[in-house]
Amino acid sequence: MIPASFEYVAAKSLDEALRLVDQHGDEAKVLAGGHSLLPLMKLRLALPRYIIDIGRIRNLNYIREESGKVAIGALATHAEVISSALLREKCPLLSETAESIGDVQVRNRGTIGGSLAHADPAADYPASVLALDAEMVAASNAGKRTIPAADFFVDLLSTQLRPGEILVEVRVPAIAPGSGTAYRKMHQPASGFAIVGAAARLTVNEKKKFEDVALGITGLGAKAFRAFGVERVLRGKDANAKSIADAARHVAQGVEPLSDIHASAEYRREMAVVYARRALEAALARAAGSKA
């Protein structure tokens, strides 16, 4: 389909973009890579009067270490997240997650900020930023504020971003010694979106017990979420496959699974158990020094 008519403005700076967003309010949409917004416009599910393109703002594309964390500009592409030596060393979960997104064209054009701000319930990054306890930095004409990943995703395609705000940065902590991470997902064959995806981060102590566990889940419900039921069961337990299998059964606790043409609610619930287990097992192997 062809989108409805709109006015296009390519912002040359963040200040200009924020001014335009504030000026046009609900009539405007921000364009980064375009892989989230343009399909909605073609289906006429989004009918913005103004498109504000921030893709040319150079100082929003970076990956660098700051104050013990890795700061990622919102315009960093999935391909850049994959290839970043800093992320692969300090926070490999994000690079692994980006590798599973879409196809080569999508990874070369799509951006981490655009994906997170869109908050698709089947997107990959949300599960990982939740598991990492990441922070989102939002900018407006009033200044900047930091939003914990745990508070960022509100509902289907809905975040804590306020009118007039643009997501400008993602901050992730470096992985702790003795920790392992992994992302596993069941792909939707045509789009590559997650029917179910699980991002795991865990730490094993000297007694071979789970000291810390974080598990982000995407695709199962209307928004990505932390599987706190699994985390509570695993903490303090022996670090082995049986403990993981027992805990993974709690992954859908308190969540109403989505049902659509790709998977029923019952099937999604069962696959969430499977992929939570696989992600946790892979993270455990990496925590033990394996390359699994």
C-alpha atoms as a PDB file:
ATOM      1  CA  MET A   1       0.000   0.000   0.000  1.00  0.00           C
ATOM      2  CA  ILE A   2       0.956   3.652  -0.375  1.00  0.00           C
ATOM      3  CA  PRO A   3       1.128   5.814   2.776  1.00  0.00           C
ATOM      4  CA  ALA A   4      -1.141   8.814   3.203  1.00  0.00           C
ATOM      5  CA  SER A   5       0.441  12.132   2.251  1.00  0.00           C
ATOM      6  CA  PHE A   6       2.728  13.815   4.756  1.00  0.00           C
ATOM      7  CA  GLU A   7       5.322  16.562   5.077  1.00  0.00           C
ATOM      8  CA  TYR A   8       8.924  15.446   5.436  1.00  0.00           C
ATOM      9  CA  VAL A   9      11.632  17.287   7.371  1.00  0.00           C
ATOM     10  CA  ALA A  10      15.221  16.057   7.780  1.00  0.00           C
ATOM     11  CA  ALA A  11      16.504  17.463  11.070  1.00  0.00           C
ATOM     12  CA  LYS A  12      20.148  18.519  11.014  1.00  0.00           C
ATOM     13  CA  SER A  13      20.607  18.500  14.792  1.00  0.00           C
ATOM     14  CA  LEU A  14      18.987  17.095  17.899  1.00  0.00           C
ATOM     15  CA  ASP A  15      17.898  20.577  18.942  1.00  0.00           C
ATOM     16  CA  GLU A  16      16.097  21.051  15.624  1.00  0.00           C
ATOM     17  CA  ALA A  17      14.444  17.639  15.919  1.00  0.00           C
ATOM     18  CA  LEU A  18      13.237  18.384  19.448  1.00  0.00           C
ATOM     19  CA  ARG A  19      11.881  21.764  18.353  1.00  0.00           C
ATOM     20  CA  LEU A  20       9.948  20.141  15.506  1.00  0.00           C
ATOM     21  CA  VAL A  21       8.584  17.361  17.703  1.00  0.00           C
ATOM     22  CA  ASP A  22       7.448  19.904  20.251  1.00  0.00           C
ATOM     23  CA  GLN A  23       5.953  22.138  17.560  1.00  0.00           C
ATOM     24  CA  HIS A  24       3.920  19.463  15.768  1.00  0.00           C
ATOM     25  CA  GLY A  25       2.986  17.304  18.756  1.00  0.00           C
ATOM     26  CA  ASP A  26       0.787  14.270  18.018  1.00  0.00           C
ATOM     27  CA  GLU A  27       0.754  15.083  14.301  1.00  0.00           C
ATOM     28  CA  ALA A  28       4.445  14.173  14.000  1.00  0.00           C
ATOM     29  CA  LYS A  29       6.366  10.906  13.974  1.00  0.00           C
ATOM     30  CA  VAL A  30      10.118  10.503  14.321  1.00  0.00           C
ATOM     31  CA  LEU A  31      11.905   8.482  11.621  1.00  0.00           C
ATOM     32  CA  ALA A  32      15.208   6.766  12.417  1.00  0.00           C
ATOM     33  CA  GLY A  33      15.871   3.646  10.337  1.00  0.00           C
ATOM     34  CA  GLY A  34      12.267   3.388   9.191  1.00  0.00           C
ATOM     35  CA  HIS A  35      11.756  -0.356   9.630  1.00  0.00           C
ATOM     36  CA  SER A  36       9.121   0.127  12.320  1.00  0.00           C
ATOM     37  CA  LEU A  37       7.331   3.258  11.164  1.00  0.00           C
ATOM     38  CA  LEU A  38       7.130   2.803   7.387  1.00  0.00           C
ATOM     39  CA  PRO A  39       5.247  -0.531   7.440  1.00  0.00           C
ATOM     40  CA  LEU A  40       2.644   1.032   9.755  1.00  0.00           C
ATOM     41  CA  MET A  41       2.287   3.982   7.391  1.00  0.00           C
ATOM     42  CA  LYS A  42       1.891   1.724   4.365  1.00  0.00           C
ATOM     43  CA  LEU A  43      -0.883  -0.162   6.164  1.00  0.00           C
ATOM     44  CA  ARG A  44      -2.350   3.202   7.226  1.00  0.00           C
ATOM     45  CA  LEU A  45      -2.147   2.177  10.853  1.00  0.00           C
ATOM     46  CA  ALA A  46      -0.098   5.344  11.359  1.00  0.00           C
ATOM     47  CA  LEU A  47      -1.155   8.576   9.650  1.00  0.00           C
ATOM     48  CA  PRO A  48       1.350  11.253  10.665  1.00  0.00           C
ATOM     49  CA  ARG A  49       1.040  14.660   9.070  1.00  0.00           C
ATOM     50  CA  TYR A  50       4.758  15.319   9.619  1.00  0.00           C
ATOM     51  CA  ILE A  51       7.741  12.967   9.411  1.00  0.00           C
ATOM     52  CA  ILE A  52      10.808  14.205  11.265  1.00  0.00           C
ATOM     53  CA  ASP A  53      13.848  12.299  10.017  1.00  0.00           C
ATOM     54  CA  ILE A  54      16.650  12.158  12.608  1.00  0.00           C
ATOM     55  CA  GLY A  55      18.789   9.740  10.602  1.00  0.00           C
ATOM     56  CA  ARG A  56      21.276  12.431   9.568  1.00  0.00           C
ATOM     57  CA  ILE A  57      22.080  13.581  13.101  1.00  0.00           C
ATOM     58  CA  ARG A  58      25.673  12.398  13.380  1.00  0.00           C
ATOM     59  CA  ASN A  59      26.143  12.755  17.124  1.00  0.00           C
ATOM     60  CA  LEU A  60      23.434  10.165  17.840  1.00  0.00           C
ATOM     61  CA  ASN A  61      25.413   7.297  16.321  1.00  0.00           C
ATOM     62  CA  TYR A  62      28.141   5.987  18.644  1.00  0.00           C
ATOM     63  CA  ILE A  63      29.111   3.098  20.907  1.00  0.00           C
ATOM     64  CA  ARG A  64      31.526   4.093  23.670  1.00  0.00           C
ATOM     65  CA  GLU A  65      32.440   3.386  27.269  1.00  0.00           C
ATOM     66  CA  GLU A  66      31.375   5.972  29.835  1.00  0.00           C
ATOM     67  CA  SER A  67      31.537   5.737  33.633  1.00  0.00           C
ATOM     68  CA  GLY A  68      31.766   1.963  33.679  1.00  0.00           C
ATOM     69  CA  LYS A  69      28.897   1.446  31.246  1.00  0.00           C
ATOM     70  CA  VAL A  70      28.583   1.170  27.492  1.00  0.00           C
ATOM     71  CA  ALA A  71      26.664   4.097  26.001  1.00  0.00           C
ATOM     72  CA  ILE A  72      24.947   3.426  22.671  1.00  0.00           C
ATOM     73  CA  GLY A  73      23.561   6.257  20.575  1.00  0.00           C
ATOM     74  CA  ALA A  74      19.988   5.731  19.439  1.00  0.00           C
ATOM     75  CA  LEU A  75      21.016   5.787  15.758  1.00  0.00           C
ATOM     76  CA  ALA A  76      23.515   2.932  16.088  1.00  0.00           C
ATOM     77  CA  THR A  77      22.372   0.317  13.585  1.00  0.00           C
ATOM     78  CA  HIS A  78      21.881  -3.347  14.397  1.00  0.00           C
ATOM     79  CA  ALA A  79      24.908  -4.109  12.218  1.00  0.00           C
ATOM     80  CA  GLU A  80      27.037  -1.700  14.259  1.00  0.00           C
ATOM     81  CA  VAL A  81      25.845  -3.301  17.500  1.00  0.00           C
ATOM     82  CA  ILE A  82      26.847  -6.687  16.073  1.00  0.00           C
ATOM     83  CA  SER A  83      30.304  -5.576  14.955  1.00  0.00           C
ATOM     84  CA  SER A  84      31.221  -3.458  17.996  1.00  0.00           C
ATOM     85  CA  ALA A  85      34.336  -4.905  19.632  1.00  0.00           C
ATOM     86  CA  LEU A  86      33.497  -2.965  22.807  1.00  0.00           C
ATOM     87  CA  LEU A  87      30.041  -4.523  23.113  1.00  0.00           C
ATOM     88  CA  ARG A  88      31.320  -8.006  22.316  1.00  0.00           C
ATOM     89  CA  GLU A  89      33.805  -7.645  25.160  1.00  0.00           C
ATOM     90  CA  LYS A  90      31.730  -5.767  27.730  1.00  0.00           C
ATOM     91  CA  CYS A  91      28.124  -6.711  26.899  1.00  0.00           C
ATOM     92  CA  PRO A  92      27.943  -9.543  24.343  1.00  0.00           C
ATOM     93  CA  LEU A  93      24.232 -10.120  24.921  1.00  0.00           C
ATOM     94  CA  LEU A  94      23.311  -7.059  22.848  1.00  0.00           C
ATOM     95  CA  SER A  95      25.517  -8.114  19.934  1.00  0.00           C
ATOM     96  CA  GLU A  96      24.061 -11.628  20.000  1.00  0.00           C
ATOM     97  CA  THR A  97      20.546 -10.232  20.105  1.00  0.00           C
ATOM     98  CA  ALA A  98      21.180  -7.924  17.156  1.00  0.00           C
ATOM     99  CA  GLU A  99      22.467 -10.862  15.093  1.00  0.00           C
ATOM    100  CA  SER A 100      19.001 -12.434  15.244  1.00  0.00           C
ATOM    101  CA  ILE A 101      17.129  -9.369  13.959  1.00  0.00           C
ATOM    102  CA  GLY A 102      15.526  -9.528  10.518  1.00  0.00           C
ATOM    103  CA  ASP A 103      17.834  -9.885   7.524  1.00  0.00           C
ATOM    104  CA  VAL A 104      20.957  -8.137   6.263  1.00  0.00           C
ATOM    105  CA  GLN A 105      19.029  -5.153   4.881  1.00  0.00           C
ATOM    106  CA  VAL A 106      17.152  -4.656   8.140  1.00  0.00           C
ATOM    107  CA  ARG A 107      20.314  -4.969  10.229  1.00  0.00           C
ATOM    108  CA  ASN A 108      22.156  -2.420   8.083  1.00  0.00           C
ATOM    109  CA  ARG A 109      19.398   0.168   8.268  1.00  0.00           C
ATOM    110  CA  GLY A 110      17.390  -0.445  11.449  1.00  0.00           C
ATOM    111  CA  THR A 111      18.488   1.265  14.675  1.00  0.00           C
ATOM    112  CA  ILE A 112      18.503   0.238  18.301  1.00  0.00           C
ATOM    113  CA  GLY A 113      16.724   3.432  19.369  1.00  0.00           C
ATOM    114  CA  GLY A 114      14.003   3.085  16.755  1.00  0.00           C
ATOM    115  CA  SER A 115      13.323  -0.505  17.736  1.00  0.00           C
ATOM    116  CA  LEU A 116      13.128   0.222  21.466  1.00  0.00           C
ATOM    117  CA  ALA A 117      10.970   3.337  21.061  1.00  0.00           C
ATOM    118  CA  HIS A 118       8.549   1.410  18.831  1.00  0.00           C
ATOM    119  CA  ALA A 119       8.144  -1.284  21.539  1.00  0.00           C
ATOM    120  CA  ASP A 120       6.831  -4.021  19.272  1.00  0.00           C
ATOM    121  CA  PRO A 121       5.784  -6.954  21.481  1.00  0.00           C
ATOM    122  CA  ALA A 122       7.814  -9.320  19.253  1.00  0.00           C
ATOM    123  CA  ALA A 123      10.979  -7.195  19.002  1.00  0.00           C
ATOM    124  CA  ASP A 124      14.278  -8.630  20.248  1.00  0.00           C
ATOM    125  CA  TYR A 125      16.076  -5.801  22.044  1.00  0.00           C
ATOM    126  CA  PRO A 126      13.438  -5.265  24.765  1.00  0.00           C
ATOM    127  CA  ALA A 127      14.085  -8.678  26.335  1.00  0.00           C
ATOM    128  CA  SER A 128      17.827  -8.029  26.404  1.00  0.00           C
ATOM    129  CA  VAL A 129      17.755  -4.507  27.810  1.00  0.00           C
ATOM    130  CA  LEU A 130      15.454  -5.776  30.563  1.00  0.00           C
ATOM    131  CA  ALA A 131      17.813  -8.637  31.397  1.00  0.00           C
ATOM    132  CA  LEU A 132      20.735  -6.195  31.447  1.00  0.00           C
ATOM    133  CA  ASP A 133      19.013  -3.615  33.695  1.00  0.00           C
ATOM    134  CA  ALA A 134      19.776  -1.045  31.018  1.00  0.00           C
ATOM    135  CA  GLU A 135      18.883   2.646  31.124  1.00  0.00           C
ATOM    136  CA  MET A 136      17.191   4.712  28.413  1.00  0.00           C
ATOM    137  CA  VAL A 137      18.037   8.376  28.008  1.00  0.00           C
ATOM    138  CA  ALA A 138      15.230  10.565  26.667  1.00  0.00           C
ATOM    139  CA  ALA A 139      15.732  14.152  25.504  1.00  0.00           C
ATOM    140  CA  SER A 140      13.261  17.008  25.203  1.00  0.00           C
ATOM    141  CA  ASN A 141      13.397  20.788  25.124  1.00  0.00           C
ATOM    142  CA  ALA A 142      13.342  20.665  28.915  1.00  0.00           C
ATOM    143  CA  GLY A 143      16.522  18.560  29.065  1.00  0.00           C
ATOM    144  CA  LYS A 144      17.322  14.870  29.473  1.00  0.00           C
ATOM    145  CA  ARG A 145      16.061  12.195  31.828  1.00  0.00           C
ATOM    146  CA  THR A 146      16.991   8.572  32.446  1.00  0.00           C
ATOM    147  CA  ILE A 147      14.401   5.802  32.418  1.00  0.00           C
ATOM    148  CA  PRO A 148      15.225   2.325  33.790  1.00  0.00           C
ATOM    149  CA  ALA A 149      14.465  -0.431  31.295  1.00  0.00           C
ATOM    150  CA  ALA A 150      12.217  -2.009  33.935  1.00  0.00           C
ATOM    151  CA  ASP A 151       9.890   1.021  33.651  1.00  0.00           C
ATOM    152  CA  PHE A 152      10.287   1.802  29.957  1.00  0.00           C
ATOM    153  CA  PHE A 153       7.828  -0.630  28.329  1.00  0.00           C
ATOM    154  CA  VAL A 154       4.234   0.158  29.254  1.00  0.00           C
ATOM    155  CA  ASP A 155       1.998  -1.856  26.918  1.00  0.00           C
ATOM    156  CA  LEU A 156       1.584  -2.836  23.277  1.00  0.00           C
ATOM    157  CA  LEU A 157       3.612  -0.298  21.217  1.00  0.00           C
ATOM    158  CA  SER A 158       3.692   1.978  24.252  1.00  0.00           C
ATOM    159  CA  THR A 159       6.604   3.293  26.323  1.00  0.00           C
ATOM    160  CA  GLN A 160       7.338   5.847  29.026  1.00  0.00           C
ATOM    161  CA  LEU A 161       8.464   8.387  26.412  1.00  0.00           C
ATOM    162  CA  ARG A 162       6.476  11.587  26.901  1.00  0.00           C
ATOM    163  CA  PRO A 163       5.153  13.900  24.188  1.00  0.00           C
ATOM    164  CA  GLY A 164       8.055  15.960  22.891  1.00  0.00           C
ATOM    165  CA  GLU A 165      10.698  13.391  23.904  1.00  0.00           C
ATOM    166  CA  ILE A 166      13.101  11.444  21.700  1.00  0.00           C
ATOM    167  CA  LEU A 167      15.059   8.401  22.835  1.00  0.00           C
ATOM    168  CA  VAL A 168      18.708   9.381  22.328  1.00  0.00           C
ATOM    169  CA  GLU A 169      20.821   6.807  24.170  1.00  0.00           C
ATOM    170  CA  VAL A 170      20.857   3.353  25.720  1.00  0.00           C
ATOM    171  CA  ARG A 171      23.247   2.578  28.592  1.00  0.00           C
ATOM    172  CA  VAL A 172      24.161  -0.988  29.501  1.00  0.00           C
ATOM    173  CA  PRO A 173      26.447  -2.214  32.285  1.00  0.00           C
ATOM    174  CA  ALA A 174      29.474  -4.355  31.571  1.00  0.00           C
ATOM    175  CA  ILE A 175      28.994  -8.039  32.330  1.00  0.00           C
ATOM    176  CA  ALA A 176      30.266  -9.013  35.788  1.00  0.00           C
ATOM    177  CA  PRO A 177      33.014 -11.622  36.319  1.00  0.00           C
ATOM    178  CA  GLY A 178      31.614 -15.139  36.598  1.00  0.00           C
ATOM    179  CA  SER A 179      28.561 -14.187  34.555  1.00  0.00           C
ATOM    180  CA  GLY A 180      27.117 -15.508  31.327  1.00  0.00           C
ATOM    181  CA  THR A 181      24.502 -14.209  28.921  1.00  0.00           C
ATOM    182  CA  ALA A 182      22.539 -15.626  26.003  1.00  0.00           C
ATOM    183  CA  TYR A 183      19.608 -14.832  23.721  1.00  0.00           C
ATOM    184  CA  ARG A 184      17.468 -17.561  22.197  1.00  0.00           C
ATOM    185  CA  LYS A 185      14.325 -17.137  20.164  1.00  0.00           C
ATOM    186  CA  MET A 186      11.785 -18.899  17.998  1.00  0.00           C
ATOM    187  CA  HIS A 187      11.747 -16.965  14.704  1.00  0.00           C
ATOM    188  CA  GLN A 188       8.663 -16.091  12.734  1.00  0.00           C
ATOM    189  CA  PRO A 189       9.872 -17.441   9.367  1.00  0.00           C
ATOM    190  CA  ALA A 190       8.821 -14.524   7.142  1.00  0.00           C
ATOM    191  CA  SER A 191       9.685 -11.510   9.304  1.00  0.00           C
ATOM    192  CA  GLY A 192      12.277 -12.826  11.720  1.00  0.00           C
ATOM    193  CA  PHE A 193      10.335 -11.383  14.665  1.00  0.00           C
ATOM    194  CA  ALA A 194      10.242 -13.431  17.844  1.00  0.00           C
ATOM    195  CA  ILE A 195       7.256 -15.697  18.330  1.00  0.00           C
ATOM    196  CA  VAL A 196       8.984 -16.105  21.695  1.00  0.00           C
ATOM    197  CA  GLY A 197      12.409 -14.837  22.723  1.00  0.00           C
ATOM    198  CA  ALA A 198      14.391 -15.140  25.956  1.00  0.00           C
ATOM    199  CA  ALA A 199      17.415 -13.110  27.097  1.00  0.00           C
ATOM    200  CA  ALA A 200      19.294 -14.508  30.083  1.00  0.00           C
ATOM    201  CA  ARG A 201      21.964 -13.053  32.350  1.00  0.00           C
ATOM    202  CA  LEU A 202      23.232 -15.027  35.321  1.00  0.00           C
ATOM    203  CA  THR A 203      26.089 -15.235  37.786  1.00  0.00           C
ATOM    204  CA  VAL A 204      27.376 -18.371  39.487  1.00  0.00           C
ATOM    205  CA  ASN A 205      29.251 -18.114  42.804  1.00  0.00           C
ATOM    206  CA  GLU A 206      32.176 -20.133  44.115  1.00  0.00           C
ATOM    207  CA  LYS A 207      29.762 -22.686  45.612  1.00  0.00           C
ATOM    208  CA  LYS A 208      28.387 -23.427  42.127  1.00  0.00           C
ATOM    209  CA  LYS A 209      25.041 -21.870  42.940  1.00  0.00           C
ATOM    210  CA  PHE A 210      23.061 -19.226  41.081  1.00  0.00           C
ATOM    211  CA  GLU A 211      23.873 -15.927  42.749  1.00  0.00           C
ATOM    212  CA  ASP A 212      22.088 -13.565  40.382  1.00  0.00           C
ATOM    213  CA  VAL A 213      19.611 -14.286  37.587  1.00  0.00           C
ATOM    214  CA  ALA A 214      17.797 -11.991  35.145  1.00  0.00           C
ATOM    215  CA  LEU A 215      15.515 -13.251  32.391  1.00  0.00           C
ATOM    216  CA  GLY A 216      13.816 -10.982  29.836  1.00  0.00           C
ATOM    217  CA  ILE A 217      11.018 -12.376  27.692  1.00  0.00           C
ATOM    218  CA  THR A 218       9.612 -11.028  24.426  1.00  0.00           C
ATOM    219  CA  GLY A 219       6.862 -12.238  22.094  1.00  0.00           C
ATOM    220  CA  LEU A 220       4.797 -13.899  24.808  1.00  0.00           C
ATOM    221  CA  GLY A 221       2.715 -10.978  26.074  1.00  0.00           C
ATOM    222  CA  ALA A 222       1.650  -7.503  24.993  1.00  0.00           C
ATOM    223  CA  LYS A 223       5.024  -6.147  26.123  1.00  0.00           C
ATOM    224  CA  ALA A 224       8.443  -7.517  27.006  1.00  0.00           C
ATOM    225  CA  PHE A 225       8.826  -8.367  30.684  1.00  0.00           C
ATOM    226  CA  ARG A 226      11.144  -9.782  33.328  1.00  0.00           C
ATOM    227  CA  ALA A 227      10.291 -13.362  34.304  1.00  0.00           C
ATOM    228  CA  PHE A 228      10.592 -12.752  38.031  1.00  0.00           C
ATOM    229  CA  GLY A 229       9.041 -16.121  38.857  1.00  0.00           C
ATOM    230  CA  VAL A 230      11.920 -17.908  37.147  1.00  0.00           C
ATOM    231  CA  GLU A 231      14.494 -15.615  38.734  1.00  0.00           C
ATOM    232  CA  ARG A 232      13.164 -16.179  42.270  1.00  0.00           C
ATOM    233  CA  VAL A 233      13.160 -19.958  41.882  1.00  0.00           C
ATOM    234  CA  LEU A 234      16.732 -20.093  40.530  1.00  0.00           C
ATOM    235  CA  ARG A 235      18.527 -17.796  42.969  1.00  0.00           C
ATOM    236  CA  GLY A 236      20.478 -19.834  45.494  1.00  0.00           C
ATOM    237  CA  LYS A 237      19.876 -23.139  43.692  1.00  0.00           C
ATOM    238  CA  ASP A 238      22.552 -25.470  42.355  1.00  0.00           C
ATOM    239  CA  ALA A 239      23.800 -24.208  38.995  1.00  0.00           C
ATOM    240  CA  ASN A 240      22.750 -27.114  36.785  1.00  0.00           C
ATOM    241  CA  ALA A 241      20.314 -28.060  34.036  1.00  0.00           C
ATOM    242  CA  LYS A 242      17.756 -29.587  36.416  1.00  0.00           C
ATOM    243  CA  SER A 243      17.423 -26.351  38.399  1.00  0.00           C
ATOM    244  CA  ILE A 244      16.959 -24.461  35.144  1.00  0.00           C
ATOM    245  CA  ALA A 245      14.332 -26.867  33.801  1.00  0.00           C
ATOM    246  CA  ASP A 246      12.358 -26.674  37.056  1.00  0.00           C
ATOM    247  CA  ALA A 247      12.508 -22.871  37.136  1.00  0.00           C
ATOM    248  CA  ALA A 248      11.672 -22.363  33.447  1.00  0.00           C
ATOM    249  CA  ARG A 249       8.177 -23.719  34.031  1.00  0.00           C
ATOM    250  CA  HIS A 250       7.386 -20.452  35.836  1.00  0.00           C
ATOM    251  CA  VAL A 251       8.188 -18.226  32.830  1.00  0.00           C
ATOM    252  CA  ALA A 252       4.575 -17.338  31.949  1.00  0.00           C
ATOM    253  CA  GLN A 253       3.534 -16.738  35.544  1.00  0.00           C
ATOM    254  CA  GLY A 254       1.125 -13.785  35.715  1.00  0.00           C
ATOM    255  CA  VAL A 255       1.219 -13.163  31.953  1.00  0.00           C
ATOM    256  CA  GLU A 256      -1.648 -13.499  29.469  1.00  0.00           C
ATOM    257  CA  PRO A 257      -0.028 -14.955  26.325  1.00  0.00           C
ATOM    258  CA  LEU A 258      -0.782 -13.474  22.922  1.00  0.00           C
ATOM    259  CA  SER A 259      -2.633 -15.535  20.340  1.00  0.00           C
ATOM    260  CA  ASP A 260      -2.461 -14.805  16.600  1.00  0.00           C
ATOM    261  CA  ILE A 261      -2.089 -16.462  13.204  1.00  0.00           C
ATOM    262  CA  HIS A 262       1.496 -17.435  14.027  1.00  0.00           C
ATOM    263  CA  ALA A 263       0.948 -19.159  17.368  1.00  0.00           C
ATOM    264  CA  SER A 264      -1.835 -19.836  19.826  1.00  0.00           C
ATOM    265  CA  ALA A 265      -1.594 -18.671  23.421  1.00  0.00           C
ATOM    266  CA  GLU A 266      -1.056 -22.262  24.577  1.00  0.00           C
ATOM    267  CA  TYR A 267       1.745 -22.851  22.080  1.00  0.00           C
ATOM    268  CA  ARG A 268       3.457 -19.582  22.976  1.00  0.00           C
ATOM    269  CA  ARG A 269       3.319 -20.498  26.651  1.00  0.00           C
ATOM    270  CA  GLU A 270       4.971 -23.861  26.009  1.00  0.00           C
ATOM    271  CA  MET A 271       7.607 -22.376  23.709  1.00  0.00           C
ATOM    272  CA  ALA A 272       8.393 -19.729  26.310  1.00  0.00           C
ATOM    273  CA  VAL A 273       9.332 -22.529  28.703  1.00  0.00           C
ATOM    274  CA  VAL A 274      11.538 -24.143  26.042  1.00  0.00           C
ATOM    275  CA  TYR A 275      13.358 -20.973  25.015  1.00  0.00           C
ATOM    276  CA  ALA A 276      13.760 -19.721  28.578  1.00  0.00           C
ATOM    277  CA  ARG A 277      15.446 -23.022  29.383  1.00  0.00           C
ATOM    278  CA  ARG A 278      17.685 -22.832  26.313  1.00  0.00           C
ATOM    279  CA  ALA A 279      18.762 -19.259  27.035  1.00  0.00           C
ATOM    280  CA  LEU A 280      19.527 -20.021  30.682  1.00  0.00           C
ATOM    281  CA  GLU A 281      21.461 -23.177  29.798  1.00  0.00           C
ATOM    282  CA  ALA A 282      23.561 -21.304  27.241  1.00  0.00           C
ATOM    283  CA  ALA A 283      24.229 -18.497  29.727  1.00  0.00           C
ATOM    284  CA  LEU A 284      25.259 -21.050  32.356  1.00  0.00           C
ATOM    285  CA  ALA A 285      27.676 -22.704  29.931  1.00  0.00           C
ATOM    286  CA  ARG A 286      29.227 -19.325  29.148  1.00  0.00           C
ATOM    287  CA  ALA A 287      29.492 -18.448  32.819  1.00  0.00           C
ATOM    288  CA  ALA A 288      31.495 -21.651  33.224  1.00  0.00           C
ATOM    289  CA  GLY A 289      33.826 -20.582  30.432  1.00  0.00           C
ATOM    290  CA  SER A 290      32.252 -22.511  27.564  1.00  0.00           C
ATOM    291  CA  LYS A 291      31.767 -21.043  24.087  1.00  0.00           C
ATOM    292  CA  ALA A 292      28.317 -22.588  23.721  1.00  0.00           C
END
